[in-house]
Amino acid sequence: MTRDTPEDADSDPPTPRPDGGSDTAGGADDVALDPWGSSTVSDYRNLFEEFGIEAFDEVLGEVPEPHYLMRRGVIFGHRDYRPVARALREGEDAAVLSGFMPTGDPHIGHKLVFDEIIWHQERGADAYGLIADLEAHSARGLSWAEIDEHARDYLLSLLALGFDPEEGELYRQSTNREVQDLAFELGSNARFAEFEGIYGFDGETSVSHMQSVVTQMADILYPQLEEPKPTVIPVGPDQDPHMRLARDVAARMRYFKVTEAFASFEADAAERDLLAAAHAALEDDLDTVRCADAADWLDAEMAPDAARDAAVEKLRAAGKEPLRPRVRFLDRNATDEAFDALVEAIPGEKRRYDEHVDAFDMDREAAEDLAREVEVDHGGYGFLPPSSIYHRFMTGLTGGKMSSSVPASHISLLDDPEDGYDKVQSATTGGRETAEKQRELGGKADECPVYELYAYLLAGDDDEFATEVYEECVGGERLCGGCKEQAAELMRDFLAEHQEKREEMEAVLDDLDIDLDSDRRGVPGDGH
């Protein structure tokens, strides 16, 4: 969750490509999602299939006034973003949170996340920005003095770019007692075996490093402490392991699990699909569809496989029991009082069992709302699964990965504007060997870190300008010298303006209730 690294142009309106349309990040390794590693993602498309990340294009039309990072495909994927988009459209409660591990100066790669937080805040979401100092100390071995120095720089840049501290919240993990208390509660539903499988932790991993993971789960769910609400975490794809674990842990904290069902027995998702198909096929021909009828239909109509055979076996065992659609409330962690209250609150026909209750006159969405309402009324959290959006990594100015540890590869938001100008002028490009070949064949904007600067930052909200740069490059009209000169001047102007705003925010930051002078003591060490 913390960041410490960084379609076709003729459509109407223009949709400039983030990197010329390539789905790869320059110099990247094979797909590897490691929150503390150095791997980048070589093929973003693999994430859709391998990890269940959905393409952001599929939800873009549901987003009100989408940010240019969304429109240009820089934000390329999401996990369950639709509830957030719906809340923004309809003016309902929503939240956005992301964190920053203060391991070095904030750079233009971090600006992607800053912008995503601010955009959501401007559209009404409760906004949270946090300094992941416990993680920086335990996983990266930074001293508290180093953390204090960098934390101030991150927060100043976030404020300078437009974060409203009166409408949002900034905090440090180490001083937020609510986060630490929540982490303790969440830890009761996290297991070391998961940490082994997800993060590769072993007997050499420090307890503090493991604790920092649970603290990140608490950060992700912190916006829902007062009330459940759709919450999005903007991150790079390397942070997806945190999101998967947070969604799992949030579900385990719930009092009730709501599923669809058709009979008294339990069925998994694949089996329920078969039961639904059988019921739909038979309900018009039979006054009462019974389990045995559904078993006969599945035997006759569906090819044998594990799901079908299991469903038929369960249906045969249920015999003459009616097969009827219903929603089921399963007791996960509910108190007796909460379970009784749920049963009482269910409208219409219902049937109570030892560990669940079936409702016959409710749809799934209404059942989810009721379960959450009863849970919150009886002292539970009622967490909604946290959502996430994923942005591409920026390519380093020297090619390969943009890295805080390689100064020439990135532009710090603290760089002198003239140094920023010089770094852009020295950057690798996607140009041809000679100007003549460039005019004949066109430039390779797909592979150009300088074009990325336009698409990710320098073109701002002006899609037409970003598209123009791309088309002139690949069409051979734009040569690298002039392109870099223009980009370098824009970068110099951006840095000068940004740093002027940072100075204005010094007094604002000093007035906030956030302690940037830690009196903690510790021994730096490798948390891995």
Protein backbone atom coordinates (compact mmCIF):
# COMPACT_ATOMS: atom_id res chain seq x y z
CA MET A 1 0.00 0.00 0.00
CA THR A 2 2.96 2.28 0.48
CA ARG A 3 4.92 3.57 -2.46
CA ASP A 4 8.63 4.02 -2.34
CA THR A 5 9.28 3.68 -6.09
CA PRO A 6 7.89 4.93 -8.59
CA GLU A 7 -5.54 3.99 -27.23
CA ASP A 8 -5.29 5.02 -30.05
CA ALA A 9 -4.54 8.69 -30.52
CA ASP A 10 -7.17 9.36 -33.20
CA SER A 11 -10.18 8.70 -30.98
CA ASP A 12 -12.63 11.45 -30.06
CA PRO A 13 -12.04 12.82 -27.47
CA PRO A 14 -8.29 12.13 -27.76
CA THR A 15 -6.91 9.43 -25.49
CA PRO A 16 -3.13 9.73 -25.52
CA ARG A 17 -1.18 6.63 -24.67
CA PRO A 18 0.72 6.42 -21.38
CA ASP A 19 3.80 4.95 -23.04
CA GLY A 20 2.83 4.87 -26.68
CA GLY A 21 0.43 2.00 -26.07
CA SER A 22 2.95 -0.58 -24.91
CA ASP A 23 1.86 -2.85 -22.08
CA THR A 24 5.39 -3.21 -20.82
CA ALA A 25 7.59 -1.18 -18.56
CA GLY A 26 11.09 -0.64 -19.86
CA GLY A 27 13.75 -2.83 -18.30
CA ALA A 28 11.22 -4.80 -16.32
CA ASP A 29 11.47 -8.31 -14.98
CA ASP A 30 8.86 -11.04 -15.20
CA VAL A 31 5.62 -10.46 -13.32
CA ALA A 32 6.44 -10.38 -9.62
CA LEU A 33 4.38 -8.55 -7.02
CA ASP A 34 6.68 -7.85 -4.09
CA PRO A 35 5.88 -4.83 -1.90
CA TRP A 36 9.48 -4.53 -0.69
CA GLY A 37 11.36 -5.88 -3.70
CA SER A 38 12.91 -4.17 -6.68
CA SER A 39 11.03 -5.97 -9.45
CA THR A 40 8.89 -4.09 -11.91
CA VAL A 41 6.04 -5.55 -13.93
CA SER A 42 6.99 -6.56 -17.43
CA ASP A 43 3.53 -7.24 -18.80
CA TYR A 44 0.56 -5.58 -17.17
CA ARG A 45 -1.86 -7.78 -19.09
CA ASN A 46 -0.64 -10.83 -17.15
CA LEU A 47 -1.92 -9.26 -13.95
CA PHE A 48 -5.49 -9.45 -15.19
CA GLU A 49 -5.39 -13.22 -15.50
CA GLU A 50 -2.83 -14.19 -12.88
CA PHE A 51 -3.96 -12.03 -9.96
CA GLY A 52 -7.54 -11.11 -10.83
CA ILE A 53 -6.87 -7.41 -11.41
CA GLU A 54 -9.49 -5.97 -13.79
CA ALA A 55 -8.74 -3.59 -16.66
CA PHE A 56 -9.60 -0.03 -15.69
CA ASP A 57 -10.99 0.64 -19.17
CA GLU A 58 -13.96 -1.53 -18.23
CA VAL A 59 -15.01 0.85 -15.45
CA LEU A 60 -13.83 4.16 -16.94
CA GLY A 61 -17.27 5.04 -18.32
CA GLU A 62 -18.72 4.86 -14.80
CA VAL A 63 -16.27 7.40 -13.37
CA PRO A 64 -17.43 11.03 -13.14
CA GLU A 65 -14.97 13.42 -14.81
CA PRO A 66 -12.13 10.89 -14.81
CA HIS A 67 -8.62 12.09 -14.04
CA TYR A 68 -6.26 12.30 -16.99
CA LEU A 69 -4.24 9.41 -15.54
CA MET A 70 -7.40 7.32 -15.91
CA ARG A 71 -8.20 8.59 -19.39
CA ARG A 72 -4.68 7.92 -20.67
CA GLY A 73 -4.38 4.41 -19.29
CA VAL A 74 -1.70 5.28 -16.76
CA ILE A 75 -4.18 3.93 -14.22
CA PHE A 76 -4.52 0.59 -15.94
CA GLY A 77 -6.24 -1.73 -13.46
CA HIS A 78 -8.53 -1.93 -10.48
CA ARG A 79 -9.89 -4.26 -7.89
CA ASP A 80 -13.59 -3.67 -7.11
CA TYR A 81 -13.60 0.06 -7.94
CA ARG A 82 -17.25 0.21 -9.03
CA PRO A 83 -18.67 0.89 -5.51
CA VAL A 84 -16.32 3.88 -5.22
CA ALA A 85 -17.24 5.20 -8.67
CA ARG A 86 -20.93 4.84 -7.84
CA ALA A 87 -20.51 6.72 -4.55
CA LEU A 88 -18.69 9.57 -6.32
CA ARG A 89 -21.41 9.78 -8.99
CA GLU A 90 -24.24 9.80 -6.50
CA GLY A 91 -22.67 12.04 -3.88
CA GLU A 92 -22.51 9.29 -1.27
CA ASP A 93 -19.82 8.68 1.35
CA ALA A 94 -16.51 7.33 0.05
CA ALA A 95 -12.88 7.45 1.10
CA VAL A 96 -9.40 7.38 -0.42
CA LEU A 97 -6.18 6.48 1.38
CA SER A 98 -2.60 5.83 0.43
CA GLY A 99 0.67 5.74 2.29
CA PHE A 100 4.26 6.69 1.67
CA MET A 101 7.36 4.97 2.96
CA PRO A 102 9.82 7.82 3.61
CA THR A 103 12.98 6.17 2.31
CA GLY A 104 14.18 9.13 0.22
CA ASP A 105 13.04 12.30 -1.49
CA PRO A 106 9.55 12.31 -3.03
CA HIS A 107 9.87 12.21 -6.81
CA ILE A 108 7.66 12.50 -9.86
CA GLY A 109 6.67 8.83 -9.57
CA HIS A 110 5.13 9.56 -6.17
CA LYS A 111 3.20 12.44 -7.70
CA LEU A 112 0.94 9.88 -9.41
CA VAL A 113 -0.37 8.76 -6.02
CA PHE A 114 -0.54 12.32 -4.66
CA ASP A 115 -2.70 13.28 -7.65
CA GLU A 116 -4.98 10.27 -7.24
CA ILE A 117 -5.64 11.07 -3.57
CA ILE A 118 -6.32 14.74 -4.33
CA TRP A 119 -8.63 13.96 -7.29
CA HIS A 120 -10.82 11.73 -5.11
CA GLN A 121 -10.84 14.33 -2.34
CA GLU A 122 -11.98 17.02 -4.79
CA ARG A 123 -14.91 14.80 -5.73
CA GLY A 124 -16.12 14.44 -2.15
CA ALA A 125 -14.23 11.44 -0.80
CA ASP A 126 -12.77 11.54 2.70
CA ALA A 127 -9.02 11.63 2.06
CA TYR A 128 -6.17 10.16 4.10
CA GLY A 129 -2.43 10.37 3.56
CA LEU A 130 -0.12 8.51 5.89
CA ILE A 131 3.57 8.16 6.57
CA ALA A 132 4.45 4.47 6.87
CA ASP A 133 7.19 5.04 9.40
CA LEU A 134 6.80 1.72 11.22
CA GLU A 135 7.22 -0.09 7.92
CA ALA A 136 10.20 2.06 6.92
CA HIS A 137 11.94 1.28 10.20
CA SER A 138 11.13 -2.44 10.33
CA ALA A 139 11.35 -3.40 6.65
CA ARG A 140 13.98 -0.96 5.39
CA GLY A 141 16.01 -0.28 8.53
CA LEU A 142 15.75 3.52 8.38
CA SER A 143 16.61 5.45 11.51
CA TRP A 144 13.91 7.57 13.07
CA ALA A 145 15.89 10.73 12.30
CA GLU A 146 15.94 9.81 8.60
CA ILE A 147 12.24 9.02 8.68
CA ASP A 148 11.42 12.38 10.31
CA GLU A 149 13.36 14.27 7.65
CA HIS A 150 11.75 12.56 4.69
CA ALA A 151 8.24 12.50 6.20
CA ARG A 152 8.11 16.28 6.19
CA ASP A 153 9.11 16.40 2.53
CA TYR A 154 6.37 13.98 1.47
CA LEU A 155 3.68 15.85 3.35
CA LEU A 156 4.77 19.24 2.02
CA SER A 157 4.56 18.01 -1.58
CA LEU A 158 1.15 16.46 -0.98
CA LEU A 159 -0.12 19.74 0.46
CA ALA A 160 1.50 21.80 -2.31
CA LEU A 161 -0.24 19.71 -4.98
CA GLY A 162 -3.65 20.45 -3.47
CA PHE A 163 -4.45 18.13 -0.56
CA ASP A 164 -6.88 19.94 1.76
CA PRO A 165 -5.86 19.14 5.37
CA GLU A 166 -9.07 20.67 6.75
CA GLU A 167 -11.14 18.16 4.79
CA GLY A 168 -8.70 15.25 5.06
CA GLU A 169 -6.38 13.59 7.53
CA LEU A 170 -2.61 13.16 7.59
CA TYR A 171 -0.95 10.87 10.12
CA ARG A 172 2.03 8.71 11.02
CA GLN A 173 1.54 5.03 11.75
CA SER A 174 3.62 5.26 14.91
CA THR A 175 1.48 7.97 16.53
CA ASN A 176 -2.00 6.89 15.48
CA ARG A 177 -3.31 4.86 18.40
CA GLU A 178 -6.56 3.97 16.63
CA VAL A 179 -4.58 2.37 13.80
CA GLN A 180 -2.42 0.42 16.23
CA ASP A 181 -5.46 -0.79 18.20
CA LEU A 182 -7.17 -1.86 14.97
CA ALA A 183 -3.99 -3.66 13.89
CA PHE A 184 -4.08 -5.66 17.12
CA GLU A 185 -7.67 -6.73 16.44
CA LEU A 186 -6.96 -7.58 12.80
CA GLY A 187 -3.94 -9.63 13.85
CA SER A 188 -6.28 -12.14 15.47
CA ASN A 189 -7.50 -12.99 11.96
CA ALA A 190 -4.10 -13.16 10.23
CA ARG A 191 -1.90 -16.24 10.23
CA PHE A 192 1.84 -16.73 9.76
CA ALA A 193 1.14 -19.32 7.07
CA GLU A 194 -0.44 -16.53 5.01
CA PHE A 195 2.60 -14.35 5.46
CA GLU A 196 4.76 -17.24 4.26
CA GLY A 197 2.63 -17.76 1.18
CA ILE A 198 2.02 -14.12 0.26
CA TYR A 199 5.29 -12.45 1.23
CA GLY A 200 7.77 -15.31 1.51
CA PHE A 201 8.35 -14.65 5.22
CA ASP A 202 10.35 -17.32 7.04
CA GLY A 203 12.14 -17.96 10.28
CA GLU A 204 14.55 -15.09 9.58
CA THR A 205 11.79 -12.48 9.25
CA SER A 206 11.59 -10.12 12.20
CA VAL A 207 8.42 -9.90 14.25
CA SER A 208 8.45 -6.12 13.69
CA HIS A 209 8.32 -6.65 9.92
CA MET A 210 5.33 -8.95 10.31
CA GLN A 211 3.71 -6.43 12.64
CA SER A 212 4.16 -3.71 10.02
CA VAL A 213 2.09 -5.79 7.57
CA VAL A 214 -0.80 -6.00 10.02
CA THR A 215 -0.45 -2.25 10.58
CA GLN A 216 -0.86 -1.74 6.84
CA MET A 217 -4.06 -3.77 6.97
CA ALA A 218 -5.24 -1.38 9.69
CA ASP A 219 -4.26 1.63 7.57
CA ILE A 220 -6.30 0.30 4.65
CA LEU A 221 -9.39 -0.19 6.82
CA TYR A 222 -8.90 2.90 9.00
CA PRO A 223 -11.24 5.14 6.93
CA GLN A 224 -14.10 2.76 7.81
CA LEU A 225 -13.66 2.88 11.59
CA GLU A 226 -16.48 5.36 12.13
CA GLU A 227 -18.75 3.85 9.50
CA PRO A 228 -18.43 1.43 6.58
CA LYS A 229 -17.96 3.18 3.24
CA PRO A 230 -16.47 2.38 -0.18
CA THR A 231 -12.73 3.02 0.13
CA VAL A 232 -10.08 3.05 -2.58
CA ILE A 233 -6.33 2.63 -2.15
CA PRO A 234 -4.31 4.02 -5.10
CA VAL A 235 -1.06 2.06 -5.47
CA GLY A 236 1.37 0.50 -7.88
CA PRO A 237 0.74 -3.15 -8.78
CA ASP A 238 3.58 -4.32 -6.51
CA GLN A 239 1.33 -3.46 -3.54
CA ASP A 240 -1.47 -5.80 -4.63
CA PRO A 241 -0.47 -8.51 -2.11
CA HIS A 242 -1.40 -6.08 0.67
CA MET A 243 -4.76 -5.44 -0.96
CA ARG A 244 -5.61 -9.12 -1.33
CA LEU A 245 -4.76 -9.79 2.30
CA ALA A 246 -6.66 -6.71 3.51
CA ARG A 247 -9.80 -7.81 1.66
CA ASP A 248 -9.52 -11.30 3.15
CA VAL A 249 -8.96 -10.02 6.69
CA ALA A 250 -11.82 -7.51 6.37
CA ALA A 251 -14.18 -10.35 5.42
CA ARG A 252 -13.03 -12.45 8.38
CA MET A 253 -13.87 -9.61 10.77
CA ARG A 254 -17.50 -9.55 9.64
CA TYR A 255 -20.30 -10.94 11.83
CA PHE A 256 -22.18 -12.42 8.88
CA LYS A 257 -21.44 -13.73 5.40
CA VAL A 258 -24.23 -13.35 2.84
CA THR A 259 -24.54 -15.84 0.00
CA GLU A 260 -27.20 -17.06 -2.39
CA ALA A 261 -28.69 -20.50 -1.76
CA PHE A 262 -31.35 -22.86 -3.09
CA ALA A 263 -31.74 -25.52 -0.41
CA SER A 264 -30.84 -26.23 3.19
CA PHE A 265 -27.42 -27.65 2.30
CA GLU A 266 -24.29 -25.59 1.55
CA ALA A 267 -22.98 -25.28 -2.00
CA ASP A 268 -19.94 -23.53 -3.40
CA ALA A 269 -20.16 -20.87 -6.13
CA ALA A 270 -19.86 -23.31 -9.05
CA GLU A 271 -22.47 -25.62 -7.55
CA ARG A 272 -24.83 -22.67 -6.93
CA ASP A 273 -24.60 -21.72 -10.59
CA LEU A 274 -25.73 -25.22 -11.50
CA LEU A 275 -28.60 -25.12 -9.00
CA ALA A 276 -29.70 -21.78 -10.44
CA ALA A 277 -29.64 -23.20 -13.97
CA ALA A 278 -31.68 -26.21 -12.94
CA HIS A 279 -34.25 -24.10 -11.10
CA ALA A 280 -34.62 -21.70 -14.04
CA ALA A 281 -35.14 -24.61 -16.45
CA LEU A 282 -37.77 -26.35 -14.32
CA GLU A 283 -39.77 -23.63 -12.56
CA ASP A 284 -42.19 -23.04 -15.45
CA ASP A 285 -43.05 -26.74 -15.79
CA LEU A 286 -43.38 -27.79 -12.16
CA ASP A 287 -45.55 -26.33 -9.41
CA THR A 288 -42.79 -27.12 -6.94
CA VAL A 289 -39.23 -27.77 -8.06
CA ARG A 290 -37.69 -30.36 -5.76
CA CYS A 291 -34.05 -31.26 -5.26
CA ALA A 292 -34.51 -34.68 -6.84
CA ASP A 293 -35.99 -33.01 -9.97
CA ALA A 294 -32.96 -30.76 -10.23
CA ALA A 295 -30.63 -33.76 -9.85
CA ASP A 296 -32.36 -35.53 -12.73
CA TRP A 297 -32.11 -32.41 -14.91
CA LEU A 298 -28.41 -31.94 -14.20
CA ASP A 299 -27.76 -35.62 -14.95
CA ALA A 300 -29.50 -35.27 -18.28
CA GLU A 301 -28.40 -31.81 -19.39
CA MET A 302 -24.94 -31.10 -17.97
CA ALA A 303 -21.68 -32.78 -18.86
CA PRO A 304 -20.07 -34.59 -15.94
CA ASP A 305 -17.42 -32.69 -13.98
CA ALA A 306 -16.52 -32.21 -10.33
CA ALA A 307 -19.00 -29.39 -9.69
CA ARG A 308 -21.89 -31.14 -11.40
CA ASP A 309 -21.23 -34.45 -9.64
CA ALA A 310 -21.04 -32.73 -6.24
CA ALA A 311 -24.25 -30.81 -6.88
CA VAL A 312 -26.11 -33.93 -7.98
CA GLU A 313 -24.92 -35.83 -4.89
CA LYS A 314 -26.17 -33.09 -2.58
CA LEU A 315 -29.47 -32.81 -4.42
CA ARG A 316 -30.06 -36.57 -4.24
CA ALA A 317 -29.41 -36.49 -0.49
CA ALA A 318 -31.98 -33.68 -0.08
CA GLY A 319 -34.57 -35.68 -2.03
CA LYS A 320 -38.04 -34.13 -1.90
CA GLU A 321 -36.92 -30.87 -0.31
CA PRO A 322 -38.12 -27.89 -2.40
CA LEU A 323 -35.45 -26.11 -4.42
CA ARG A 324 -36.13 -22.40 -3.88
CA PRO A 325 -33.95 -19.30 -4.41
CA ARG A 326 -33.06 -17.49 -1.19
CA VAL A 327 -30.33 -15.44 0.42
CA ARG A 328 -28.44 -16.98 3.30
CA PHE A 329 -26.92 -15.23 6.30
CA LEU A 330 -24.07 -17.32 7.68
CA ASP A 331 -22.93 -16.72 11.26
CA ARG A 332 -19.21 -15.92 11.19
CA ASN A 333 -18.42 -13.99 14.37
CA ALA A 334 -21.79 -12.73 15.54
CA THR A 335 -22.76 -12.54 19.18
CA ASP A 336 -25.97 -14.33 20.15
CA GLU A 337 -27.64 -10.95 20.55
CA ALA A 338 -26.60 -9.86 17.05
CA PHE A 339 -27.78 -13.13 15.49
CA ASP A 340 -31.16 -12.84 17.23
CA ALA A 341 -31.46 -9.22 16.11
CA LEU A 342 -30.72 -10.21 12.52
CA VAL A 343 -33.39 -12.89 12.53
CA GLU A 344 -35.88 -10.41 13.94
CA ALA A 345 -35.00 -7.79 11.32
CA ILE A 346 -35.36 -10.04 8.25
CA PRO A 347 -38.66 -9.20 6.53
CA GLY A 348 -41.04 -11.75 5.10
CA GLU A 349 -40.56 -15.52 5.04
CA LYS A 350 -37.43 -16.84 6.73
CA ARG A 351 -36.08 -20.06 8.15
CA ARG A 352 -33.59 -20.26 11.01
CA TYR A 353 -30.93 -22.93 11.44
CA ASP A 354 -28.18 -23.34 14.05
CA GLU A 355 -25.52 -21.42 12.12
CA HIS A 356 -27.44 -19.60 9.42
CA VAL A 357 -30.78 -18.12 8.52
CA ASP A 358 -32.43 -18.15 5.08
CA ALA A 359 -34.54 -15.26 3.78
CA PHE A 360 -36.94 -15.84 0.89
CA ASP A 361 -38.18 -12.29 0.24
CA MET A 362 -34.91 -10.33 0.00
CA ASP A 363 -32.40 -9.78 -2.77
CA ARG A 364 -28.65 -10.09 -2.24
CA GLU A 365 -27.96 -6.34 -2.06
CA ALA A 366 -30.67 -5.70 0.53
CA ALA A 367 -29.41 -8.65 2.56
CA GLU A 368 -25.84 -7.29 2.53
CA ASP A 369 -27.10 -3.90 3.74
CA LEU A 370 -29.15 -5.46 6.52
CA ALA A 371 -26.31 -7.68 7.72
CA ARG A 372 -23.96 -4.69 7.87
CA GLU A 373 -26.52 -2.53 9.68
CA VAL A 374 -27.15 -5.17 12.35
CA GLU A 375 -23.43 -5.78 12.77
CA VAL A 376 -22.60 -2.10 13.30
CA ASP A 377 -25.54 -1.68 15.69
CA HIS A 378 -24.12 -4.52 17.80
CA GLY A 379 -20.51 -3.37 18.02
CA GLY A 380 -19.01 -4.80 14.84
CA TYR A 381 -17.06 -2.98 12.13
CA GLY A 382 -19.15 -3.92 9.10
CA PHE A 383 -16.18 -3.39 6.79
CA LEU A 384 -16.77 -3.11 3.07
CA PRO A 385 -14.04 -4.83 1.04
CA PRO A 386 -11.45 -2.13 0.25
CA SER A 387 -10.99 -1.28 -3.42
CA SER A 388 -7.78 -0.43 -5.24
CA ILE A 389 -6.60 1.20 -8.44
CA TYR A 390 -3.22 0.46 -10.04
CA HIS A 391 -0.96 2.76 -12.02
CA ARG A 392 1.93 1.92 -14.29
CA PHE A 393 5.48 2.40 -13.10
CA MET A 394 7.30 5.29 -14.72
CA THR A 395 10.33 4.35 -16.75
CA GLY A 396 13.56 5.84 -15.44
CA LEU A 397 15.08 8.73 -17.37
CA THR A 398 18.10 6.53 -18.06
CA GLY A 399 15.93 3.58 -19.13
CA GLY A 400 14.91 0.69 -16.92
CA LYS A 401 13.23 1.40 -13.61
CA MET A 402 12.78 4.79 -12.00
CA SER A 403 14.51 4.39 -8.65
CA SER A 404 15.02 6.68 -5.66
CA SER A 405 18.48 5.19 -5.23
CA VAL A 406 19.59 6.17 -8.76
CA PRO A 407 19.44 10.00 -8.88
CA ALA A 408 19.83 10.23 -12.65
CA SER A 409 16.83 7.93 -13.18
CA HIS A 410 14.29 10.18 -11.50
CA ILE A 411 13.46 13.80 -10.87
CA SER A 412 12.95 14.62 -7.23
CA LEU A 413 10.21 17.07 -6.34
CA LEU A 414 12.97 18.79 -4.35
CA ASP A 415 15.40 19.08 -7.29
CA ASP A 416 16.57 22.55 -8.23
CA PRO A 417 14.52 23.51 -11.33
CA GLU A 418 17.71 23.86 -13.36
CA ASP A 419 18.79 20.36 -12.31
CA GLY A 420 15.41 19.07 -13.42
CA TYR A 421 15.92 20.79 -16.76
CA ASP A 422 19.34 19.18 -17.15
CA LYS A 423 18.07 15.69 -16.23
CA VAL A 424 15.40 15.85 -18.91
CA GLN A 425 17.94 17.07 -21.45
CA SER A 426 20.14 14.07 -20.58
CA ALA A 427 17.33 11.54 -20.67
CA THR A 428 17.20 8.49 -22.91
CA THR A 429 14.70 8.81 -25.78
CA GLY A 430 12.91 6.61 -28.26
CA GLY A 431 14.48 8.43 -31.18
CA ARG A 432 16.12 6.96 -34.27
CA GLU A 433 19.84 6.98 -34.97
CA THR A 434 19.66 10.09 -37.17
CA ALA A 435 17.26 12.95 -37.79
CA GLU A 436 16.80 11.67 -41.33
CA LYS A 437 15.64 8.24 -40.11
CA GLN A 438 13.42 9.92 -37.50
CA ARG A 439 11.64 11.90 -40.23
CA GLU A 440 11.35 8.79 -42.41
CA LEU A 441 10.36 6.17 -39.82
CA GLY A 442 9.06 8.25 -36.94
CA GLY A 443 10.19 8.07 -33.34
CA LYS A 444 9.49 5.21 -30.96
CA ALA A 445 7.30 7.01 -28.43
CA ASP A 446 6.35 3.56 -27.10
CA GLU A 447 9.85 3.27 -25.66
CA CYS A 448 10.51 6.89 -24.74
CA PRO A 449 10.86 8.06 -21.12
CA VAL A 450 10.53 11.66 -22.32
CA TYR A 451 7.14 10.97 -23.89
CA GLU A 452 6.08 9.40 -20.59
CA LEU A 453 6.90 12.70 -18.89
CA TYR A 454 4.38 14.41 -21.16
CA ALA A 455 1.68 11.77 -20.65
CA TYR A 456 2.14 11.32 -16.90
CA LEU A 457 2.90 14.90 -15.86
CA LEU A 458 3.86 17.67 -18.26
CA ALA A 459 0.71 17.71 -20.43
CA GLY A 460 -1.42 18.03 -17.30
CA ASP A 461 -5.13 17.79 -18.11
CA ASP A 462 -4.59 18.71 -21.77
CA ASP A 463 -5.25 15.47 -23.68
CA GLU A 464 -4.94 17.23 -27.03
CA PHE A 465 -1.41 18.37 -26.23
CA ALA A 466 -0.33 14.89 -25.09
CA THR A 467 -1.86 13.39 -28.24
CA GLU A 468 -0.14 15.97 -30.42
CA VAL A 469 3.26 15.12 -28.94
CA TYR A 470 2.68 11.42 -29.56
CA GLU A 471 1.43 11.81 -33.13
CA GLU A 472 4.18 14.24 -34.12
CA CYS A 473 6.79 11.83 -32.70
CA VAL A 474 5.59 8.66 -34.40
CA GLY A 475 4.85 10.63 -37.58
CA GLY A 476 8.43 11.90 -37.84
CA GLU A 477 7.53 15.59 -37.48
CA ARG A 478 8.96 15.93 -33.96
CA LEU A 479 12.69 15.44 -33.43
CA CYS A 480 14.16 14.48 -30.08
CA GLY A 481 16.18 17.64 -29.56
CA GLY A 482 13.20 19.96 -29.76
CA CYS A 483 10.99 17.52 -27.87
CA LYS A 484 13.44 17.30 -24.98
CA GLU A 485 13.93 21.06 -24.93
CA GLN A 486 10.19 21.61 -24.60
CA ALA A 487 9.89 18.92 -21.92
CA ALA A 488 12.89 20.29 -20.02
CA GLU A 489 11.39 23.78 -19.96
CA LEU A 490 8.04 22.47 -18.76
CA MET A 491 9.76 20.43 -16.06
CA ARG A 492 11.74 23.45 -14.90
CA ASP A 493 8.54 25.49 -14.69
CA PHE A 494 6.72 22.73 -12.82
CA LEU A 495 9.48 22.33 -10.24
CA ALA A 496 9.76 26.06 -9.68
CA GLU A 497 6.02 26.42 -9.14
CA HIS A 498 5.83 23.31 -6.97
CA GLN A 499 8.65 24.40 -4.71
CA GLU A 500 7.14 27.85 -4.32
CA LYS A 501 3.92 26.19 -3.16
CA ARG A 502 5.90 23.91 -0.83
CA GLU A 503 7.30 27.00 0.88
CA GLU A 504 3.77 28.34 1.32
CA MET A 505 2.73 25.05 2.89
CA GLU A 506 5.46 25.11 5.58
CA ALA A 507 3.26 27.15 7.92
CA VAL A 508 0.22 25.01 7.12
CA LEU A 509 2.10 21.81 7.98
CA ASP A 510 3.43 23.30 11.21
CA ASP A 511 -0.13 24.06 12.30
CA LEU A 512 -1.32 20.50 11.76
CA ASP A 513 -1.59 18.01 14.60
CA ILE A 514 1.13 15.71 13.34
CA ASP A 515 4.41 15.13 15.14
CA LEU A 516 7.37 15.28 12.75
CA ASP A 517 10.06 15.21 15.43
CA SER A 518 10.05 11.66 16.73
CA ASP A 519 11.69 10.90 20.08
CA ARG A 520 11.74 7.19 19.31
CA ARG A 521 14.95 5.21 19.57
CA GLY A 522 15.74 2.03 17.70
CA VAL A 523 18.44 -0.06 16.11
CA PRO A 524 18.17 -0.09 12.30
CA GLY A 525 18.19 -3.57 10.86
CA ASP A 526 17.03 -5.55 7.89
CA GLY A 527 13.46 -6.59 8.65
CA HIS A 528 13.59 -9.26 5.96
